[in-house]
Protein backbone atom coordinates (compact mmCIF):
# COMPACT_ATOMS: atom_id res chain seq x y z
CA MET A 1 66.01 256.85 248.57
CA ASN A 2 66.67 253.47 246.92
CA GLY A 3 68.19 250.25 248.50
CA GLY A 4 71.50 250.87 247.36
CA SER A 5 71.91 254.33 248.68
CA SER A 6 70.11 253.58 251.87
CA LYS A 7 72.98 250.71 252.53
CA SER A 8 75.64 252.87 251.60
CA LEU A 9 74.30 255.71 253.72
CA LYS A 10 73.92 253.16 256.48
CA ALA A 11 77.58 252.00 256.01
CA ALA A 12 78.68 255.69 255.97
CA PHE A 13 76.98 256.42 259.19
CA SER A 14 78.38 253.11 260.77
CA TYR A 15 81.75 254.09 259.79
CA CYS A 16 81.03 257.48 261.78
CA VAL A 17 80.24 256.04 264.85
CA GLN A 18 83.32 253.23 264.65
CA GLN A 19 85.65 256.59 264.46
CA VAL A 20 84.01 258.20 267.15
CA ARG A 21 84.31 254.82 269.28
CA ALA A 22 87.88 254.62 268.48
CA TYR A 23 89.24 258.22 268.53
CA ASP A 24 87.16 259.88 270.82
CA TYR A 25 85.69 257.42 273.46
CA HIS A 26 84.60 259.53 275.87
CA HIS A 27 82.28 261.82 273.89
CA TYR A 28 81.28 258.71 272.25
CA LEU A 29 79.94 257.59 275.30
CA CYS A 30 78.20 261.10 275.66
CA LEU A 31 76.29 260.46 272.52
CA LEU A 32 74.90 257.50 273.50
CA HIS A 33 72.79 259.47 275.99
CA LEU A 34 71.48 261.60 273.33
CA PRO A 35 67.40 260.90 271.84
CA HIS A 36 67.94 258.32 268.94
CA ALA A 37 66.65 261.21 266.45
CA SER A 38 69.85 263.33 267.51
CA ARG A 39 72.48 260.65 267.38
CA LYS A 40 73.09 260.44 263.34
CA ALA A 41 73.63 263.96 263.12
CA ALA A 42 75.90 264.19 266.48
CA PHE A 43 78.24 261.18 265.41
CA ALA A 44 78.46 262.81 261.79
CA LEU A 45 79.75 265.99 263.29
CA ARG A 46 82.11 264.62 265.73
CA ALA A 47 83.30 262.23 262.74
CA PHE A 48 84.14 265.16 260.77
CA ASN A 49 85.85 266.68 263.80
CA ILE A 50 88.15 263.79 263.95
CA GLU A 51 88.93 263.85 260.24
CA THR A 52 90.44 267.61 260.72
CA SER A 53 91.62 267.28 264.08
CA ARG A 54 93.91 264.51 262.99
CA ALA A 55 94.90 265.99 259.52
CA MET A 56 98.04 267.37 260.66
CA ASP A 57 99.19 264.34 262.76
CA LEU A 58 98.50 261.39 260.44
CA ALA A 59 100.61 263.50 257.54
CA SER A 60 104.02 262.77 256.71
CA ASP A 61 104.77 266.45 256.74
CA PRO A 62 102.76 269.70 257.40
CA LYS A 63 102.23 270.40 253.81
CA THR A 64 100.22 267.21 253.57
CA GLY A 65 98.23 267.71 256.30
CA LEU A 66 97.54 271.20 255.26
CA MET A 67 96.32 269.48 251.69
CA ARG A 68 93.74 267.13 253.67
CA LEU A 69 92.63 270.18 255.43
CA LEU A 70 92.03 271.87 252.23
CA TRP A 71 90.23 268.87 250.59
CA TRP A 72 87.75 269.33 253.26
CA GLN A 73 87.07 272.69 252.42
CA GLU A 74 86.55 271.70 248.95
CA ALA A 75 84.26 269.08 250.13
CA LEU A 76 82.17 271.01 252.25
CA ASN A 77 81.79 273.36 249.38
CA ARG A 78 80.61 270.43 247.32
CA ILE A 79 78.35 269.21 249.97
CA HIS A 80 76.70 272.62 250.02
CA ALA A 81 76.16 272.60 246.50
CA GLY A 82 74.43 269.39 246.65
CA LYS A 83 77.15 267.43 245.14
CA LEU A 84 78.06 263.66 245.89
CA VAL A 85 81.46 263.44 247.63
CA GLU A 86 82.75 259.71 248.05
CA HIS A 87 83.87 259.73 251.58
CA PRO A 88 81.77 257.95 254.27
CA VAL A 89 81.85 261.32 256.77
CA ALA A 90 81.16 263.58 253.95
CA GLN A 91 77.90 261.51 252.97
CA SER A 92 76.97 261.59 256.48
CA LEU A 93 77.37 264.97 256.80
CA SER A 94 75.39 265.77 253.32
CA TRP A 95 72.55 263.75 254.67
CA VAL A 96 72.34 265.84 258.08
CA ILE A 97 72.88 269.26 256.46
CA SER A 98 69.69 268.20 253.91
CA ASN A 99 67.63 266.78 256.97
CA HIS A 100 68.53 269.10 259.55
CA ARG A 101 69.29 272.29 257.96
CA ILE A 102 72.49 272.86 259.98
CA SER A 103 74.45 276.19 259.61
CA LYS A 104 77.13 276.28 257.07
CA HIS A 105 78.72 279.10 259.00
CA TRP A 106 79.79 276.68 262.24
CA LEU A 107 81.01 273.86 259.93
CA LYS A 108 83.16 276.48 258.06
CA ARG A 109 84.40 278.06 261.26
CA SER A 110 85.34 274.92 262.68
CA LEU A 111 87.42 273.68 259.48
CA ASP A 112 88.88 277.39 258.99
CA ALA A 113 90.43 277.45 262.52
CA ARG A 114 92.08 273.98 261.68
CA ILE A 115 93.63 275.45 258.58
CA THR A 116 94.34 278.52 259.92
CA ASP A 117 96.37 276.87 262.88
CA ALA A 118 98.06 274.57 260.17
CA ASN A 119 99.47 277.57 258.57
CA ARG A 120 100.91 278.78 261.57
CA ASP A 121 104.53 279.68 261.35
CA GLU A 122 106.84 277.02 262.70
CA GLY A 123 107.79 277.77 266.52
CA SER A 124 104.80 280.39 266.78
CA MET A 125 102.26 279.82 269.63
CA PRO A 126 98.70 281.27 271.06
CA GLY A 127 99.88 284.63 272.44
CA SER A 128 97.37 284.50 275.38
CA ILE A 129 94.79 282.42 277.02
CA SER A 130 92.18 284.15 274.91
CA GLU A 131 93.78 283.18 271.82
CA LEU A 132 93.41 279.79 273.11
CA GLU A 133 89.96 280.21 274.12
CA LYS A 134 88.92 281.17 270.57
CA TYR A 135 90.72 278.34 268.90
CA ALA A 136 88.47 275.86 271.72
CA GLU A 137 85.21 277.94 270.50
CA ASP A 138 85.88 277.42 267.04
CA THR A 139 86.75 273.76 267.21
CA GLN A 140 84.87 272.37 270.11
CA SER A 141 81.72 274.71 270.95
CA THR A 142 80.84 274.92 267.34
CA LEU A 143 80.26 270.94 267.30
CA LEU A 144 77.68 271.70 270.24
CA TYR A 145 76.13 274.70 268.49
CA LEU A 146 75.47 272.29 265.42
CA THR A 147 74.33 269.47 267.42
CA LEU A 148 71.69 271.76 269.15
CA GLN A 149 70.70 273.00 265.60
CA ALA A 150 70.16 269.23 264.39
CA THR A 151 67.85 268.84 267.58
CA GLY A 152 65.77 271.53 267.00
CA VAL A 153 66.94 273.53 270.07
CA GLN A 154 66.77 277.59 269.77
CA SER A 155 67.87 279.06 272.64
CA THR A 156 70.76 281.83 273.32
CA VAL A 157 70.57 280.30 276.68
CA ALA A 158 71.75 276.69 275.40
CA ASP A 159 73.98 278.32 272.74
CA HIS A 160 75.71 280.28 275.61
CA ALA A 161 76.16 277.13 277.60
CA ALA A 162 77.51 275.41 274.95
CA SER A 163 80.33 278.19 274.23
CA HIS A 164 81.43 277.49 277.53
CA VAL A 165 81.53 273.78 277.79
CA GLY A 166 83.04 273.83 274.15
CA LYS A 167 85.74 276.12 275.61
CA ALA A 168 86.29 274.14 278.76
CA SER A 169 86.56 270.80 276.50
CA GLY A 170 88.85 272.15 274.23
CA LEU A 171 91.52 273.71 276.59
CA VAL A 172 91.63 270.44 278.42
CA LEU A 173 92.18 268.52 275.27
CA LEU A 174 94.75 270.94 274.48
CA LEU A 175 96.68 270.37 277.77
CA LYS A 176 96.48 266.63 277.68
CA SER A 177 98.10 266.74 274.12
CA ILE A 178 101.20 268.49 275.35
CA PRO A 179 103.13 265.01 276.05
CA HIS A 180 102.19 263.90 272.24
CA HIS A 181 103.43 267.04 270.50
CA LEU A 182 106.58 267.30 272.68
CA ASN A 183 107.16 263.63 272.03
CA ARG A 184 106.16 263.87 268.17
CA TYR A 185 107.59 267.66 267.02
CA GLY A 186 109.90 268.03 270.04
CA LYS A 187 108.16 271.04 271.05
CA VAL A 188 104.89 272.34 273.34
CA LEU A 189 102.70 273.87 270.69
CA TYR A 190 99.53 275.15 272.76
CA LEU A 191 100.60 276.81 275.57
CA PRO A 192 100.21 280.74 275.46
CA ALA A 193 102.96 282.64 275.22
CA ASP A 194 102.18 284.93 278.23
CA VAL A 195 101.56 282.15 280.58
CA ALA A 196 104.78 280.07 279.44
CA ASP A 197 106.71 283.40 280.27
CA LYS A 198 105.27 284.06 283.45
CA HIS A 199 106.21 280.75 284.77
CA GLY A 200 109.92 281.10 283.25
CA LEU A 201 109.31 278.93 280.32
CA LEU A 202 109.58 281.05 277.21
CA MET A 203 112.72 280.97 275.36
CA LYS A 204 113.44 284.19 273.18
CA GLU A 205 116.06 284.22 270.32
CA GLY A 206 115.59 287.13 268.41
CA GLU A 207 112.17 287.21 266.86
CA ARG A 208 111.70 283.74 267.62
CA SER A 209 110.20 281.97 270.78
CA GLU A 210 109.80 278.89 271.94
CA ILE A 211 108.90 277.10 275.41
CA ARG A 212 111.41 275.36 277.34
CA VAL A 213 110.46 271.90 279.01
CA GLY A 214 113.40 270.44 280.71
CA THR A 215 113.45 268.12 283.46
CA SER A 216 113.51 271.11 285.84
CA GLU A 217 110.15 272.32 284.61
CA MET A 218 108.41 268.95 284.19
CA GLY A 219 106.49 267.14 287.16
CA PRO A 220 104.65 268.52 290.03
CA GLY A 221 105.72 271.99 291.43
CA GLY A 222 107.63 272.46 288.01
CA GLY A 223 106.80 275.90 285.98
CA LEU A 224 105.19 273.79 283.60
CA ALA A 225 102.55 272.53 286.08
CA ASP A 226 101.92 275.95 287.12
CA ALA A 227 101.06 277.00 283.83
CA VAL A 228 99.09 274.16 283.02
CA PHE A 229 97.21 274.86 286.42
CA GLU A 230 96.61 278.50 285.15
CA VAL A 231 94.94 277.37 281.73
CA ALA A 232 93.01 274.52 283.72
CA SER A 233 91.74 277.16 285.79
CA VAL A 234 90.16 279.31 283.23
CA ALA A 235 88.59 275.63 281.76
CA SER A 236 87.22 275.30 285.28
CA ALA A 237 85.65 278.54 285.13
CA HIS A 238 84.21 278.14 281.97
CA LEU A 239 82.32 274.89 283.32
CA ARG A 240 81.02 276.73 286.57
CA LYS A 241 79.52 279.64 284.16
CA ALA A 242 78.01 276.78 281.88
CA ARG A 243 76.56 275.12 285.07
CA GLN A 244 74.92 278.37 286.68
CA LEU A 245 73.06 278.52 283.25
CA SER A 246 71.53 275.01 283.47
CA GLY A 247 68.30 276.33 285.36
CA THR A 248 67.16 278.18 282.37
CA VAL A 249 68.74 276.18 279.64
CA PRO A 250 65.96 273.82 277.69
CA GLY A 251 65.50 270.36 278.93
CA ASP A 252 66.31 269.34 275.32
CA ALA A 253 69.79 270.78 275.58
CA ASN A 254 71.10 269.16 278.83
CA GLN A 255 71.93 265.93 277.13
CA ILE A 256 74.16 267.51 274.23
CA LEU A 257 75.82 269.32 276.92
CA LEU A 258 76.90 266.10 278.73
CA PRO A 259 80.55 266.70 277.33
CA ALA A 260 80.92 268.93 280.57
CA VAL A 261 81.12 265.77 282.30
CA PRO A 262 84.17 264.39 280.88
CA ALA A 263 85.70 267.94 280.65
CA GLN A 264 85.14 268.06 284.76
CA VAL A 265 86.67 264.43 284.95
CA ALA A 266 89.77 265.50 283.32
CA LEU A 267 90.39 268.58 285.25
CA ASP A 268 89.72 266.74 288.54
CA GLU A 269 92.11 264.09 287.60
CA LEU A 270 94.89 266.77 286.37
CA GLU A 271 94.01 268.21 290.04
CA LYS A 272 95.08 265.01 291.68
CA ARG A 273 98.24 264.57 289.26
CA ARG A 274 99.05 268.27 290.56
CA PHE A 275 98.75 269.19 287.13
CA ASP A 276 101.39 267.01 285.88
CA VAL A 277 100.45 266.24 282.41
CA PHE A 278 103.37 263.63 281.89
CA ASP A 279 101.54 261.45 284.98
CA SER A 280 101.38 258.16 282.96
CA ARG A 281 97.75 257.60 285.12
CA LEU A 282 96.11 260.82 283.31
CA SER A 283 96.08 258.29 280.08
CA LYS A 284 94.73 255.31 281.68
CA GLY A 285 91.13 254.56 281.24
CA VAL A 286 88.96 257.46 280.64
CA HIS A 287 90.74 260.64 281.34
CA GLY A 288 92.49 258.54 284.12
CA VAL A 289 89.66 257.06 285.26
CA SER A 290 88.15 253.66 284.96
CA PRO A 291 85.59 253.50 281.99
CA LEU A 292 83.28 251.73 284.22
CA TRP A 293 82.90 254.72 286.85
CA TYR A 294 83.23 256.99 283.64
CA GLN A 295 79.92 255.43 282.58
CA LEU A 296 78.12 255.46 285.81
CA LYS A 297 79.03 259.17 286.18
CA LEU A 298 78.08 260.07 282.83
CA ALA A 299 74.69 258.01 283.57
CA TRP A 300 73.95 259.87 286.57
CA TYR A 301 73.79 263.36 284.92
CA ALA A 302 71.95 262.00 281.92
CA TRP A 303 69.51 260.60 284.26
CA ARG A 304 69.01 263.66 286.14
CA ASN A 305 69.08 265.41 283.14
CA LYS A 306 72.01 267.39 284.17
CA TYR A 307 75.54 268.11 282.90
């Protein structure tokens, strides 16, 4: 590698780190506990997730957001064909793929899930929690699978734990996104229809369904809080299952699975606020707790080689 390309790659990875710090701070702090040799891959993968997860929100209209995701689909094909893509995250991913031999399957699965979600009919929603779990696995667990691969961890048990941690993380993030989506789009996008119906939130007009979130449904004790509690309980169950495997997970995998910690913090804070996702205290600091306290908790788990 010549000096120019080395400098360009260094700038590309620096961009990835900055993006993760700016838009995924709780995971940025997790990645700082990874072995130095694994960090480049982890930051590149998280930066890729930021690019794809924010595509729809940054676009002026859904069609433009979908076009951005399709651009990334073509970019991944070019990267795997050994072609240069002029984008810092793409450059970083290209280096990771060639140096760590990570699976094209998981990257494709992650992106395909975003594209399928972007193609959803307006007003449609996940039918069940299992659908929401699959989306969480496709978009969050895949990042952990890839990081395990990049670190050289080959373990079915570690993959199983990563599946549960990713599902928990994904479900938590979708719950915390409810106020943002309601503010931006005027509706709740990621609450399962069967759960919403059970708690009196689902409005049906012909073949169309919509989740109703008025003043009476909001706040502690409202139908929305009950629905959030139900989904949060599933996320908690995934964390418990992941931690039950900790005794048999290879030691090298424990720090990769540290995202279990922010997921637990978020769930604990949701419980304190009686599952009211609109409580402004949840948006302060890191998942509602002080950054210092969160960093100390994370450091404690990392020091004990736990997740």
